[in-house]
Amino acid sequence: MESPYYDPAANNSLVLNEAQRFAEKYHLLQNRKAFEAAVQAVPSGGLQFIIVDEPRVRDAPWVMQKQQRTVRRGQPDEIEILGTWWILKDHIIPAANMADILQSRFVCFQP
C-alpha cells in the first residue's frame, strides 16, 4: 500500500480500515488470502489489488494485478485488468503489456 502504484480508493483500503477498527475482522490482517477474499467479497465491486501468482521457488517474483471488478446482479463478475506488477523482495516492477512489447518491436524495424 506504500507503493507509488497503489490507489488509496481501492477496496483494499476499505478492508484494511475495517480490520483495524473491528476486532472480529482483525484476523484479516494476519492472513493475506483471507484479506484478499474479503477484498473480492466487497458487494459493490470496484478497484482491487490482488496477488495472482506466488513464487514457487526461492527468489522468484510475486505477481500482483490492479483490477476493476464490476458486479451485475445475476451475472458473473466482470474483471478488467488495469495493471500487472512483479514483486521481488523490496522491488515492485511494472510488467510490460502486449501493446508495449509490440510497439517496441515496431520501432526496432522502422527504416
PDB file of N, CA and C in Angstrom:
ATOM      1  N   MET A   1       0.810  -1.197   0.000  1.00  0.00           N
ATOM      2  CA  MET A   1       0.000   0.000   0.000  1.00  0.00           C
ATOM      3  C   MET A   1       0.857   1.267   0.000  1.00  0.00           C
ATOM      4  N   GLU A   2       2.145   1.107   0.250  1.00  0.00           N
ATOM      5  CA  GLU A   2       3.037   2.257   0.240  1.00  0.00           C
ATOM      6  C   GLU A   2       3.728   2.431  -1.107  1.00  0.00           C
ATOM      7  N   SER A   3       3.345   1.619  -2.076  1.00  0.00           N
ATOM      8  CA  SER A   3       3.907   1.691  -3.416  1.00  0.00           C
ATOM      9  C   SER A   3       3.348   2.922  -4.139  1.00  0.00           C
ATOM     10  N   PRO A   4       4.139   3.521  -5.039  1.00  0.00           N
ATOM     11  CA  PRO A   4       3.614   4.635  -5.837  1.00  0.00           C
ATOM     12  C   PRO A   4       2.504   4.181  -6.796  1.00  0.00           C
ATOM     13  N   TYR A   5       2.358   2.890  -7.007  1.00  0.00           N
ATOM     14  CA  TYR A   5       1.340   2.375  -7.916  1.00  0.00           C
ATOM     15  C   TYR A   5      -0.004   2.157  -7.219  1.00  0.00           C
ATOM     16  N   TYR A   6      -0.008   2.204  -5.897  1.00  0.00           N
ATOM     17  CA  TYR A   6      -1.226   1.910  -5.136  1.00  0.00           C
ATOM     18  C   TYR A   6      -2.210   3.069  -5.219  1.00  0.00           C
ATOM     19  N   ASP A   7      -3.485   2.729  -5.293  1.00  0.00           N
ATOM     20  CA  ASP A   7      -4.561   3.719  -5.311  1.00  0.00           C
ATOM     21  C   ASP A   7      -5.335   3.598  -4.003  1.00  0.00           C
ATOM     22  N   PRO A   8      -5.315   4.627  -3.143  1.00  0.00           N
ATOM     23  CA  PRO A   8      -5.990   4.529  -1.849  1.00  0.00           C
ATOM     24  C   PRO A   8      -7.514   4.386  -1.952  1.00  0.00           C
ATOM     25  N   ALA A   9      -8.068   4.589  -3.145  1.00  0.00           N
ATOM     26  CA  ALA A   9      -9.506   4.398  -3.327  1.00  0.00           C
ATOM     27  C   ALA A   9      -9.868   2.921  -3.524  1.00  0.00           C
ATOM     28  N   ALA A  10      -8.869   2.050  -3.555  1.00  0.00           N
ATOM     29  CA  ALA A  10      -9.110   0.619  -3.780  1.00  0.00           C
ATOM     30  C   ALA A  10      -9.839  -0.009  -2.596  1.00  0.00           C
ATOM     31  N   ASN A  11     -10.555  -1.082  -2.881  1.00  0.00           N
ATOM     32  CA  ASN A  11     -11.262  -1.820  -1.834  1.00  0.00           C
ATOM     33  C   ASN A  11     -10.301  -2.358  -0.777  1.00  0.00           C
ATOM     34  N   ASN A  12      -9.035  -2.520  -1.114  1.00  0.00           N
ATOM     35  CA  ASN A  12      -8.044  -2.972  -0.141  1.00  0.00           C
ATOM     36  C   ASN A  12      -8.001  -2.017   1.048  1.00  0.00           C
ATOM     37  N   SER A  13      -8.102  -0.712   0.792  1.00  0.00           N
ATOM     38  CA  SER A  13      -8.090   0.278   1.877  1.00  0.00           C
ATOM     39  C   SER A  13      -9.327   0.142   2.745  1.00  0.00           C
ATOM     40  N   LEU A  14     -10.467  -0.097   2.134  1.00  0.00           N
ATOM     41  CA  LEU A  14     -11.714  -0.285   2.876  1.00  0.00           C
ATOM     42  C   LEU A  14     -11.601  -1.478   3.828  1.00  0.00           C
ATOM     43  N   VAL A  15     -11.121  -2.600   3.309  1.00  0.00           N
ATOM     44  CA  VAL A  15     -10.983  -3.806   4.132  1.00  0.00           C
ATOM     45  C   VAL A  15      -9.947  -3.585   5.228  1.00  0.00           C
ATOM     46  N   LEU A  16      -8.851  -2.923   4.900  1.00  0.00           N
ATOM     47  CA  LEU A  16      -7.822  -2.631   5.903  1.00  0.00           C
ATOM     48  C   LEU A  16      -8.396  -1.788   7.042  1.00  0.00           C
ATOM     49  N   ASN A  17      -9.113  -0.739   6.701  1.00  0.00           N
ATOM     50  CA  ASN A  17      -9.692   0.131   7.728  1.00  0.00           C
ATOM     51  C   ASN A  17     -10.675  -0.624   8.614  1.00  0.00           C
ATOM     52  N   GLU A  18     -11.506  -1.466   8.009  1.00  0.00           N
ATOM     53  CA  GLU A  18     -12.454  -2.257   8.806  1.00  0.00           C
ATOM     54  C   GLU A  18     -11.718  -3.243   9.709  1.00  0.00           C
ATOM     55  N   ALA A  19     -10.665  -3.865   9.212  1.00  0.00           N
ATOM     56  CA  ALA A  19      -9.907  -4.836  10.007  1.00  0.00           C
ATOM     57  C   ALA A  19      -9.200  -4.152  11.183  1.00  0.00           C
ATOM     58  N   GLN A  20      -8.810  -2.908  10.993  1.00  0.00           N
ATOM     59  CA  GLN A  20      -8.152  -2.174  12.073  1.00  0.00           C
ATOM     60  C   GLN A  20      -9.152  -1.667  13.112  1.00  0.00           C
ATOM     61  N   ARG A  21     -10.388  -1.429  12.692  1.00  0.00           N
ATOM     62  CA  ARG A  21     -11.401  -0.860  13.596  1.00  0.00           C
ATOM     63  C   ARG A  21     -12.224  -1.897  14.341  1.00  0.00           C
ATOM     64  N   PHE A  22     -12.453  -3.053  13.719  1.00  0.00           N
ATOM     65  CA  PHE A  22     -13.373  -4.035  14.296  1.00  0.00           C
ATOM     66  C   PHE A  22     -12.619  -5.310  14.666  1.00  0.00           C
ATOM     67  N   ALA A  23     -12.725  -5.678  15.930  1.00  0.00           N
ATOM     68  CA  ALA A  23     -11.994  -6.847  16.448  1.00  0.00           C
ATOM     69  C   ALA A  23     -12.332  -8.124  15.686  1.00  0.00           C
ATOM     70  N   GLU A  24     -13.577  -8.283  15.269  1.00  0.00           N
ATOM     71  CA  GLU A  24     -13.970  -9.512  14.575  1.00  0.00           C
ATOM     72  C   GLU A  24     -13.367  -9.631  13.178  1.00  0.00           C
ATOM     73  N   LYS A  25     -12.798  -8.543  12.666  1.00  0.00           N
ATOM     74  CA  LYS A  25     -12.154  -8.585  11.350  1.00  0.00           C
ATOM     75  C   LYS A  25     -10.631  -8.482  11.437  1.00  0.00           C
ATOM     76  N   TYR A  26     -10.100  -8.388  12.657  1.00  0.00           N
ATOM     77  CA  TYR A  26      -8.658  -8.226  12.841  1.00  0.00           C
ATOM     78  C   TYR A  26      -7.864  -9.388  12.229  1.00  0.00           C
ATOM     79  N   HIS A  27      -8.445 -10.576  12.220  1.00  0.00           N
ATOM     80  CA  HIS A  27      -7.743 -11.742  11.663  1.00  0.00           C
ATOM     81  C   HIS A  27      -7.355 -11.548  10.195  1.00  0.00           C
ATOM     82  N   LEU A  28      -8.043 -10.653   9.488  1.00  0.00           N
ATOM     83  CA  LEU A  28      -7.726 -10.402   8.084  1.00  0.00           C
ATOM     84  C   LEU A  28      -6.328  -9.806   7.922  1.00  0.00           C
ATOM     85  N   LEU A  29      -5.846  -9.143   8.963  1.00  0.00           N
ATOM     86  CA  LEU A  29      -4.512  -8.546   8.904  1.00  0.00           C
ATOM     87  C   LEU A  29      -3.416  -9.582   9.070  1.00  0.00           C
ATOM     88  N   GLN A  30      -3.790 -10.776   9.504  1.00  0.00           N
ATOM     89  CA  GLN A  30      -2.822 -11.833   9.769  1.00  0.00           C
ATOM     90  C   GLN A  30      -2.734 -12.865   8.648  1.00  0.00           C
ATOM     91  N   ASN A  31      -3.624 -12.765   7.649  1.00  0.00           N
ATOM     92  CA  ASN A  31      -3.708 -13.798   6.624  1.00  0.00           C
ATOM     93  C   ASN A  31      -3.987 -13.146   5.271  1.00  0.00           C
ATOM     94  N   ARG A  32      -2.995 -13.136   4.379  1.00  0.00           N
ATOM     95  CA  ARG A  32      -3.155 -12.473   3.080  1.00  0.00           C
ATOM     96  C   ARG A  32      -4.309 -13.036   2.268  1.00  0.00           C
ATOM     97  N   LYS A  33      -4.444 -14.349   2.249  1.00  0.00           N
ATOM     98  CA  LYS A  33      -5.515 -14.951   1.444  1.00  0.00           C
ATOM     99  C   LYS A  33      -6.896 -14.576   1.981  1.00  0.00           C
ATOM    100  N   ALA A  34      -7.044 -14.543   3.303  1.00  0.00           N
ATOM    101  CA  ALA A  34      -8.323 -14.131   3.895  1.00  0.00           C
ATOM    102  C   ALA A  34      -8.576 -12.650   3.609  1.00  0.00           C
ATOM    103  N   PHE A  35      -7.523 -11.850   3.669  1.00  0.00           N
ATOM    104  CA  PHE A  35      -7.649 -10.425   3.363  1.00  0.00           C
ATOM    105  C   PHE A  35      -8.125 -10.229   1.922  1.00  0.00           C
ATOM    106  N   GLU A  36      -7.474 -10.923   0.980  1.00  0.00           N
ATOM    107  CA  GLU A  36      -7.861 -10.785  -0.424  1.00  0.00           C
ATOM    108  C   GLU A  36      -9.267 -11.319  -0.683  1.00  0.00           C
ATOM    109  N   ALA A  37      -9.645 -12.386   0.005  1.00  0.00           N
ATOM    110  CA  ALA A  37     -11.009 -12.901  -0.139  1.00  0.00           C
ATOM    111  C   ALA A  37     -12.020 -11.847   0.317  1.00  0.00           C
ATOM    112  N   ALA A  38     -11.686 -11.120   1.380  1.00  0.00           N
ATOM    113  CA  ALA A  38     -12.567 -10.051   1.853  1.00  0.00           C
ATOM    114  C   ALA A  38     -12.629  -8.911   0.838  1.00  0.00           C
ATOM    115  N   VAL A  39     -11.494  -8.585   0.216  1.00  0.00           N
ATOM    116  CA  VAL A  39     -11.466  -7.546  -0.823  1.00  0.00           C
ATOM    117  C   VAL A  39     -12.356  -7.963  -1.996  1.00  0.00           C
ATOM    118  N   GLN A  40     -12.233  -9.225  -2.401  1.00  0.00           N
ATOM    119  CA  GLN A  40     -13.018  -9.717  -3.543  1.00  0.00           C
ATOM    120  C   GLN A  40     -14.493  -9.895  -3.197  1.00  0.00           C
ATOM    121  N   ALA A  41     -14.821  -9.908  -1.924  1.00  0.00           N
ATOM    122  CA  ALA A  41     -16.211 -10.091  -1.495  1.00  0.00           C
ATOM    123  C   ALA A  41     -16.950  -8.770  -1.284  1.00  0.00           C
ATOM    124  N   VAL A  42     -16.270  -7.639  -1.501  1.00  0.00           N
ATOM    125  CA  VAL A  42     -16.955  -6.349  -1.358  1.00  0.00           C
ATOM    126  C   VAL A  42     -18.123  -6.357  -2.343  1.00  0.00           C
ATOM    127  N   PRO A  43     -19.361  -6.244  -1.837  1.00  0.00           N
ATOM    128  CA  PRO A  43     -20.532  -6.478  -2.698  1.00  0.00           C
ATOM    129  C   PRO A  43     -20.692  -5.508  -3.857  1.00  0.00           C
ATOM    130  N   SER A  44     -20.145  -4.317  -3.753  1.00  0.00           N
ATOM    131  CA  SER A  44     -20.315  -3.335  -4.825  1.00  0.00           C
ATOM    132  C   SER A  44     -19.273  -3.462  -5.926  1.00  0.00           C
ATOM    133  N   GLY A  45     -18.300  -4.356  -5.733  1.00  0.00           N
ATOM    134  CA  GLY A  45     -17.214  -4.446  -6.706  1.00  0.00           C
ATOM    135  C   GLY A  45     -16.301  -3.252  -6.532  1.00  0.00           C
ATOM    136  N   GLY A  46     -15.538  -2.929  -7.555  1.00  0.00           N
ATOM    137  CA  GLY A  46     -14.657  -1.772  -7.505  1.00  0.00           C
ATOM    138  C   GLY A  46     -13.213  -2.132  -7.750  1.00  0.00           C
ATOM    139  N   LEU A  47     -12.356  -1.185  -7.466  1.00  0.00           N
ATOM    140  CA  LEU A  47     -10.928  -1.331  -7.690  1.00  0.00           C
ATOM    141  C   LEU A  47     -10.324  -2.223  -6.616  1.00  0.00           C
ATOM    142  N   GLN A  48      -9.438  -3.143  -7.026  1.00  0.00           N
ATOM    143  CA  GLN A  48      -8.812  -4.054  -6.066  1.00  0.00           C
ATOM    144  C   GLN A  48      -7.424  -4.443  -6.549  1.00  0.00           C
ATOM    145  N   PHE A  49      -6.546  -4.684  -5.582  1.00  0.00           N
ATOM    146  CA  PHE A  49      -5.207  -5.187  -5.848  1.00  0.00           C
ATOM    147  C   PHE A  49      -5.148  -6.603  -5.308  1.00  0.00           C
ATOM    148  N   ILE A  50      -4.787  -7.562  -6.179  1.00  0.00           N
ATOM    149  CA  ILE A  50      -4.823  -8.978  -5.830  1.00  0.00           C
ATOM    150  C   ILE A  50      -3.517  -9.647  -6.267  1.00  0.00           C
ATOM    151  N   ILE A  51      -2.992 -10.512  -5.406  1.00  0.00           N
ATOM    152  CA  ILE A  51      -1.850 -11.348  -5.788  1.00  0.00           C
ATOM    153  C   ILE A  51      -2.404 -12.482  -6.654  1.00  0.00           C
ATOM    154  N   VAL A  52      -1.911 -12.596  -7.887  1.00  0.00           N
ATOM    155  CA  VAL A  52      -2.417 -13.614  -8.801  1.00  0.00           C
ATOM    156  C   VAL A  52      -1.458 -14.785  -8.979  1.00  0.00           C
ATOM    157  N   ASP A  53      -0.221 -14.630  -8.486  1.00  0.00           N
ATOM    158  CA  ASP A  53       0.717 -15.749  -8.548  1.00  0.00           C
ATOM    159  C   ASP A  53       1.757 -15.570  -7.455  1.00  0.00           C
ATOM    160  N   GLU A  54       2.032 -16.659  -6.763  1.00  0.00           N
ATOM    161  CA  GLU A  54       3.029 -16.675  -5.698  1.00  0.00           C
ATOM    162  C   GLU A  54       4.285 -17.381  -6.196  1.00  0.00           C
ATOM    163  N   PRO A  55       5.430 -17.035  -5.630  1.00  0.00           N
ATOM    164  CA  PRO A  55       6.657 -17.726  -6.055  1.00  0.00           C
ATOM    165  C   PRO A  55       6.623 -19.201  -5.669  1.00  0.00           C
ATOM    166  N   ARG A  56       7.075 -20.031  -6.580  1.00  0.00           N
ATOM    167  CA  ARG A  56       7.137 -21.470  -6.318  1.00  0.00           C
ATOM    168  C   ARG A  56       8.547 -21.898  -5.914  1.00  0.00           C
ATOM    169  N   VAL A  57       9.503 -21.040  -6.229  1.00  0.00           N
ATOM    170  CA  VAL A  57      10.900 -21.288  -5.859  1.00  0.00           C
ATOM    171  C   VAL A  57      11.464 -20.018  -5.232  1.00  0.00           C
ATOM    172  N   ARG A  58      12.527 -20.183  -4.496  1.00  0.00           N
ATOM    173  CA  ARG A  58      13.153 -19.040  -3.830  1.00  0.00           C
ATOM    174  C   ARG A  58      13.609 -18.001  -4.852  1.00  0.00           C
ATOM    175  N   ASP A  59      13.462 -16.766  -4.521  1.00  0.00           N
ATOM    176  CA  ASP A  59      13.876 -15.622  -5.344  1.00  0.00           C
ATOM    177  C   ASP A  59      13.070 -15.452  -6.630  1.00  0.00           C
ATOM    178  N   ALA A  60      11.918 -16.083  -6.719  1.00  0.00           N
ATOM    179  CA  ALA A  60      11.012 -15.841  -7.847  1.00  0.00           C
ATOM    180  C   ALA A  60      10.066 -14.709  -7.446  1.00  0.00           C
ATOM    181  N   PRO A  61       9.522 -13.986  -8.414  1.00  0.00           N
ATOM    182  CA  PRO A  61       8.660 -12.860  -8.065  1.00  0.00           C
ATOM    183  C   PRO A  61       7.220 -13.275  -7.728  1.00  0.00           C
ATOM    184  N   TRP A  62       6.573 -12.432  -6.946  1.00  0.00           N
ATOM    185  CA  TRP A  62       5.124 -12.483  -6.763  1.00  0.00           C
ATOM    186  C   TRP A  62       4.547 -11.707  -7.945  1.00  0.00           C
ATOM    187  N   VAL A  63       3.304 -11.984  -8.323  1.00  0.00           N
ATOM    188  CA  VAL A  63       2.650 -11.235  -9.394  1.00  0.00           C
ATOM    189  C   VAL A  63       1.372 -10.627  -8.822  1.00  0.00           C
ATOM    190  N   MET A  64       1.261  -9.300  -8.942  1.00  0.00           N
ATOM    191  CA  MET A  64       0.102  -8.580  -8.419  1.00  0.00           C
ATOM    192  C   MET A  64      -0.603  -7.871  -9.572  1.00  0.00           C
ATOM    193  N   GLN A  65      -1.936  -7.848  -9.495  1.00  0.00           N
ATOM    194  CA  GLN A  65      -2.718  -7.135 -10.507  1.00  0.00           C
ATOM    195  C   GLN A  65      -3.605  -6.083  -9.852  1.00  0.00           C
ATOM    196  N   LYS A  66      -3.756  -4.987 -10.569  1.00  0.00           N
ATOM    197  CA  LYS A  66      -4.761  -3.983 -10.241  1.00  0.00           C
ATOM    198  C   LYS A  66      -5.956  -4.320 -11.120  1.00  0.00           C
ATOM    199  N   GLN A  67      -7.104  -4.547 -10.497  1.00  0.00           N
ATOM    200  CA  GLN A  67      -8.287  -4.993 -11.231  1.00  0.00           C
ATOM    201  C   GLN A  67      -9.478  -4.097 -10.921  1.00  0.00           C
ATOM    202  N   GLN A  68     -10.320  -3.921 -11.911  1.00  0.00           N
ATOM    203  CA  GLN A  68     -11.610  -3.264 -11.709  1.00  0.00           C
ATOM    204  C   GLN A  68     -12.666  -4.360 -11.799  1.00  0.00           C
ATOM    205  N   ARG A  69     -13.355  -4.625 -10.677  1.00  0.00           N
ATOM    206  CA  ARG A  69     -14.374  -5.674 -10.647  1.00  0.00           C
ATOM    207  C   ARG A  69     -15.747  -5.023 -10.739  1.00  0.00           C
ATOM    208  N   THR A  70     -16.502  -5.416 -11.754  1.00  0.00           N
ATOM    209  CA  THR A  70     -17.854  -4.903 -11.952  1.00  0.00           C
ATOM    210  C   THR A  70     -18.841  -6.008 -11.599  1.00  0.00           C
ATOM    211  N   VAL A  71     -19.773  -5.671 -10.730  1.00  0.00           N
ATOM    212  CA  VAL A  71     -20.767  -6.634 -10.257  1.00  0.00           C
ATOM    213  C   VAL A  71     -22.095  -6.319 -10.926  1.00  0.00           C
ATOM    214  N   ARG A  72     -22.685  -7.335 -11.528  1.00  0.00           N
ATOM    215  CA  ARG A  72     -24.021  -7.203 -12.130  1.00  0.00           C
ATOM    216  C   ARG A  72     -24.901  -8.300 -11.574  1.00  0.00           C
ATOM    217  N   ARG A  73     -26.036  -7.928 -11.095  1.00  0.00           N
ATOM    218  CA  ARG A  73     -26.961  -8.876 -10.471  1.00  0.00           C
ATOM    219  C   ARG A  73     -27.311 -10.010 -11.436  1.00  0.00           C
ATOM    220  N   GLY A  74     -27.136 -11.250 -10.966  1.00  0.00           N
ATOM    221  CA  GLY A  74     -27.489 -12.423 -11.756  1.00  0.00           C
ATOM    222  C   GLY A  74     -26.469 -12.801 -12.813  1.00  0.00           C
ATOM    223  N   GLN A  75     -25.329 -12.116 -12.859  1.00  0.00           N
ATOM    224  CA  GLN A  75     -24.305 -12.419 -13.850  1.00  0.00           C
ATOM    225  C   GLN A  75     -22.959 -12.570 -13.146  1.00  0.00           C
ATOM    226  N   PRO A  76     -22.036 -13.285 -13.761  1.00  0.00           N
ATOM    227  CA  PRO A  76     -20.696 -13.382 -13.162  1.00  0.00           C
ATOM    228  C   PRO A  76     -20.032 -12.002 -13.119  1.00  0.00           C
ATOM    229  N   ASP A  77     -19.184 -11.794 -12.131  1.00  0.00           N
ATOM    230  CA  ASP A  77     -18.449 -10.533 -12.042  1.00  0.00           C
ATOM    231  C   ASP A  77     -17.568 -10.367 -13.273  1.00  0.00           C
ATOM    232  N   GLU A  78     -17.413  -9.143 -13.710  1.00  0.00           N
ATOM    233  CA  GLU A  78     -16.524  -8.832 -14.829  1.00  0.00           C
ATOM    234  C   GLU A  78     -15.243  -8.231 -14.246  1.00  0.00           C
ATOM    235  N   ILE A  79     -14.102  -8.763 -14.634  1.00  0.00           N
ATOM    236  CA  ILE A  79     -12.815  -8.298 -14.137  1.00  0.00           C
ATOM    237  C   ILE A  79     -12.036  -7.679 -15.295  1.00  0.00           C
ATOM    238  N   GLU A  80     -11.655  -6.420 -15.138  1.00  0.00           N
ATOM    239  CA  GLU A  80     -10.791  -5.751 -16.106  1.00  0.00           C
ATOM    240  C   GLU A  80      -9.430  -5.549 -15.445  1.00  0.00           C
ATOM    241  N   ILE A  81      -8.391  -6.045 -16.066  1.00  0.00           N
ATOM    242  CA  ILE A  81      -7.042  -5.914 -15.526  1.00  0.00           C
ATOM    243  C   ILE A  81      -6.475  -4.568 -15.957  1.00  0.00           C
ATOM    244  N   LEU A  82      -6.127  -3.752 -14.979  1.00  0.00           N
ATOM    245  CA  LEU A  82      -5.645  -2.402 -15.245  1.00  0.00           C
ATOM    246  C   LEU A  82      -4.124  -2.288 -15.173  1.00  0.00           C
ATOM    247  N   GLY A  83      -3.495  -3.270 -14.560  1.00  0.00           N
ATOM    248  CA  GLY A  83      -2.036  -3.243 -14.448  1.00  0.00           C
ATOM    249  C   GLY A  83      -1.536  -4.514 -13.800  1.00  0.00           C
ATOM    250  N   THR A  84      -0.300  -4.849 -14.105  1.00  0.00           N
ATOM    251  CA  THR A  84       0.332  -6.032 -13.521  1.00  0.00           C
ATOM    252  C   THR A  84       1.735  -5.636 -13.082  1.00  0.00           C
ATOM    253  N   TRP A  85       2.136  -6.121 -11.902  1.00  0.00           N
ATOM    254  CA  TRP A  85       3.456  -5.834 -11.358  1.00  0.00           C
ATOM    255  C   TRP A  85       4.106  -7.116 -10.871  1.00  0.00           C
ATOM    256  N   TRP A  86       5.423  -7.151 -10.933  1.00  0.00           N
ATOM    257  CA  TRP A  86       6.208  -8.217 -10.324  1.00  0.00           C
ATOM    258  C   TRP A  86       6.763  -7.653  -9.028  1.00  0.00           C
ATOM    259  N   ILE A  87       6.716  -8.446  -7.985  1.00  0.00           N
ATOM    260  CA  ILE A  87       7.265  -8.028  -6.695  1.00  0.00           C
ATOM    261  C   ILE A  87       8.372  -9.008  -6.338  1.00  0.00           C
ATOM    262  N   LEU A  88       9.565  -8.477  -6.182  1.00  0.00           N
ATOM    263  CA  LEU A  88      10.716  -9.292  -5.827  1.00  0.00           C
ATOM    264  C   LEU A  88      11.455  -8.581  -4.704  1.00  0.00           C
ATOM    265  N   LYS A  89      11.396  -9.200  -3.523  1.00  0.00           N
ATOM    266  CA  LYS A  89      11.966  -8.607  -2.307  1.00  0.00           C
ATOM    267  C   LYS A  89      11.327  -7.245  -2.086  1.00  0.00           C
ATOM    268  N   ASP A  90      12.108  -6.163  -2.101  1.00  0.00           N
ATOM    269  CA  ASP A  90      11.561  -4.821  -1.855  1.00  0.00           C
ATOM    270  C   ASP A  90      11.267  -4.059  -3.140  1.00  0.00           C
ATOM    271  N   HIS A  91      11.352  -4.723  -4.270  1.00  0.00           N
ATOM    272  CA  HIS A  91      11.187  -4.050  -5.553  1.00  0.00           C
ATOM    273  C   HIS A  91       9.826  -4.386  -6.170  1.00  0.00           C
ATOM    274  N   ILE A  92       9.152  -3.356  -6.664  1.00  0.00           N
ATOM    275  CA  ILE A  92       7.893  -3.528  -7.390  1.00  0.00           C
ATOM    276  C   ILE A  92       8.141  -3.021  -8.801  1.00  0.00           C
ATOM    277  N   ILE A  93       7.985  -3.916  -9.767  1.00  0.00           N
ATOM    278  CA  ILE A  93       8.357  -3.616 -11.147  1.00  0.00           C
ATOM    279  C   ILE A  93       7.120  -3.763 -12.036  1.00  0.00           C
ATOM    280  N   PRO A  94       6.729  -2.702 -12.753  1.00  0.00           N
ATOM    281  CA  PRO A  94       5.596  -2.838 -13.667  1.00  0.00           C
ATOM    282  C   PRO A  94       5.910  -3.847 -14.773  1.00  0.00           C
ATOM    283  N   ALA A  95       4.981  -4.733 -15.031  1.00  0.00           N
ATOM    284  CA  ALA A  95       5.146  -5.707 -16.114  1.00  0.00           C
ATOM    285  C   ALA A  95       4.712  -5.055 -17.425  1.00  0.00           C
ATOM    286  N   ALA A  96       5.446  -5.332 -18.458  1.00  0.00           N
ATOM    287  CA  ALA A  96       5.080  -4.803 -19.773  1.00  0.00           C
ATOM    288  C   ALA A  96       3.813  -5.486 -20.259  1.00  0.00           C
ATOM    289  N   ASN A  97       2.966  -4.734 -20.937  1.00  0.00           N
ATOM    290  CA  ASN A  97       1.790  -5.363 -21.538  1.00  0.00           C
ATOM    291  C   ASN A  97       2.085  -5.647 -23.014  1.00  0.00           C
ATOM    292  N   MET A  98       1.215  -6.367 -23.662  1.00  0.00           N
ATOM    293  CA  MET A  98       1.442  -6.786 -25.048  1.00  0.00           C
ATOM    294  C   MET A  98       1.604  -5.581 -25.974  1.00  0.00           C
ATOM    295  N   ALA A  99       0.848  -4.521 -25.761  1.00  0.00           N
ATOM    296  CA  ALA A  99       0.971  -3.332 -26.611  1.00  0.00           C
ATOM    297  C   ALA A  99       2.361  -2.720 -26.486  1.00  0.00           C
ATOM    298  N   ASP A 100       2.903  -2.660 -25.279  1.00  0.00           N
ATOM    299  CA  ASP A 100       4.255  -2.130 -25.073  1.00  0.00           C
ATOM    300  C   ASP A 100       5.289  -2.965 -25.824  1.00  0.00           C
ATOM    301  N   ILE A 101       5.151  -4.274 -25.734  1.00  0.00           N
ATOM    302  CA  ILE A 101       6.107  -5.179 -26.383  1.00  0.00           C
ATOM    303  C   ILE A 101       6.041  -5.029 -27.898  1.00  0.00           C
ATOM    304  N   LEU A 102       4.833  -5.028 -28.463  1.00  0.00           N
ATOM    305  CA  LEU A 102       4.691  -4.888 -29.915  1.00  0.00           C
ATOM    306  C   LEU A 102       5.195  -3.542 -30.400  1.00  0.00           C
ATOM    307  N   GLN A 103       4.883  -2.488 -29.651  1.00  0.00           N
ATOM    308  CA  GLN A 103       5.339  -1.162 -30.044  1.00  0.00           C
ATOM    309  C   GLN A 103       6.863  -1.094 -30.051  1.00  0.00           C
ATOM    310  N   SER A 104       7.511  -1.697 -29.081  1.00  0.00           N
ATOM    311  CA  SER A 104       8.970  -1.672 -29.051  1.00  0.00           C
ATOM    312  C   SER A 104       9.551  -2.440 -30.232  1.00  0.00           C
ATOM    313  N   ARG A 105       8.868  -3.499 -30.664  1.00  0.00           N
ATOM    314  CA  ARG A 105       9.361  -4.276 -31.815  1.00  0.00           C
ATOM    315  C   ARG A 105       9.190  -3.502 -33.107  1.00  0.00           C
ATOM    316  N   PHE A 106       8.084  -2.762 -33.243  1.00  0.00           N
ATOM    317  CA  PHE A 106       7.855  -1.994 -34.464  1.00  0.00           C
ATOM    318  C   PHE A 106       8.864  -0.865 -34.591  1.00  0.00           C
ATOM    319  N   VAL A 107       9.248  -0.251 -33.500  1.00  0.00           N
ATOM    320  CA  VAL A 107      10.242   0.812 -33.507  1.00  0.00           C
ATOM    321  C   VAL A 107      11.569   0.270 -33.991  1.00  0.00           C
ATOM    322  N   CYS A 108      11.909  -0.947 -33.586  1.00  0.00           N
ATOM    323  CA  CYS A 108      13.183  -1.549 -33.997  1.00  0.00           C
ATOM    324  C   CYS A 108      13.262  -1.808 -35.499  1.00  0.00           C
ATOM    325  N   PHE A 109      12.127  -2.046 -36.133  1.00  0.00           N
ATOM    326  CA  PHE A 109      12.133  -2.433 -37.553  1.00  0.00           C
ATOM    327  C   PHE A 109      11.833  -1.296 -38.502  1.00  0.00           C
ATOM    328  N   GLN A 110      11.710  -0.080 -38.029  1.00  0.00           N
ATOM    329  CA  GLN A 110      11.443   1.041 -38.931  1.00  0.00           C
ATOM    330  C   GLN A 110      12.732   1.420 -39.652  1.00  0.00           C
ATOM    331  N   PRO A 111      12.612   1.772 -40.955  1.00  0.00           N
ATOM    332  CA  PRO A 111      13.814   2.127 -41.734  1.00  0.00           C
ATOM    333  C   PRO A 111      14.407   3.453 -41.305  1.00  0.00           C
TER     334      PRO A 111
END
